[in-house]
């Protein structure tokens, strides 16, 4: 793998947000190209440890040879189980960059991008059974409506679903080009690429159960982060950011308001370190356009 596997977004802001203790134990939920992990390792002393998760075998070709790094080749939704297995009851901080690696978008055979003709796959890990083609070919129309409306925020998803139903009535979806050409026939003329991105995003989220995984990991963090430890999350679309924001505010991914006790005290596990989400500056966006939609939120365990 080359260094261009993935350009880390908000690198300094996110690693600063962990408030790293050199002898601490930290988790990188999404190793990817290893950019955030390397920056964390630079701040750890010889007794510090970094536990890095990634379900994609391609990512591990980027792993540095460092005895302080523990690799977990599974989805981060299994965080608590693996921490128990490794003998770490609590950690000092968790960082998650929820974006898809540049490598995935740039590899035609993975099917993440409409820029190339490739298989409609979109799986981030080998253990996943369904592909994007399976979703398009097999899902009932009401479930497809949910996927495109809520995961892609696709405008007028019913029009797209009617096109999909007509297409699969005579042949199967197999390639990204088939989906791209179908979606282009109903995309707004001025926002074709945006529309295509929404369609492909919705399928990717569904194939990889991204929203369920994020909900699971957020609800595990109060049990595994030490008091004073940090939770640092970079999200890339409103669905993710809403879950993270709700969780920091209320301790619940579904509610924005925290429950209170009889005396009106808010019962929350974290407090926000940054009042608003941190976003990339103009220089970073110019160097890495994929940073444009990134939002960083930092919270401290109470």
Foldseek 3Di string as FASTA:
>chain_A
DDLLQADDFPQVVQLVLQVDDQQFEEEEQDCGLNSNVVVNPVSHDPNYAYEYEFQAPVNCVNDDPDPRYHYDNDHCLCVCVVCVVVVAQAGQEYEYELDDGPNCQVDQQCCLHLVDKYWQALERHPVFDDGLQCCLQPPDLVVQVCLLCPQLVAPPCVVLSVLSVVVNVVPGDTISPVSLVSQQVPDDPVCSVSNSNSSSRSSNCVRHVVLVSLQSNLLCNLRHYDAFGKYKYKDQDDLSVQQVCLCQCAVHSVGNHHDADPVRDGDHQKHWPDPFWDADDPVVCVVPVSRHRITMTMIGGD
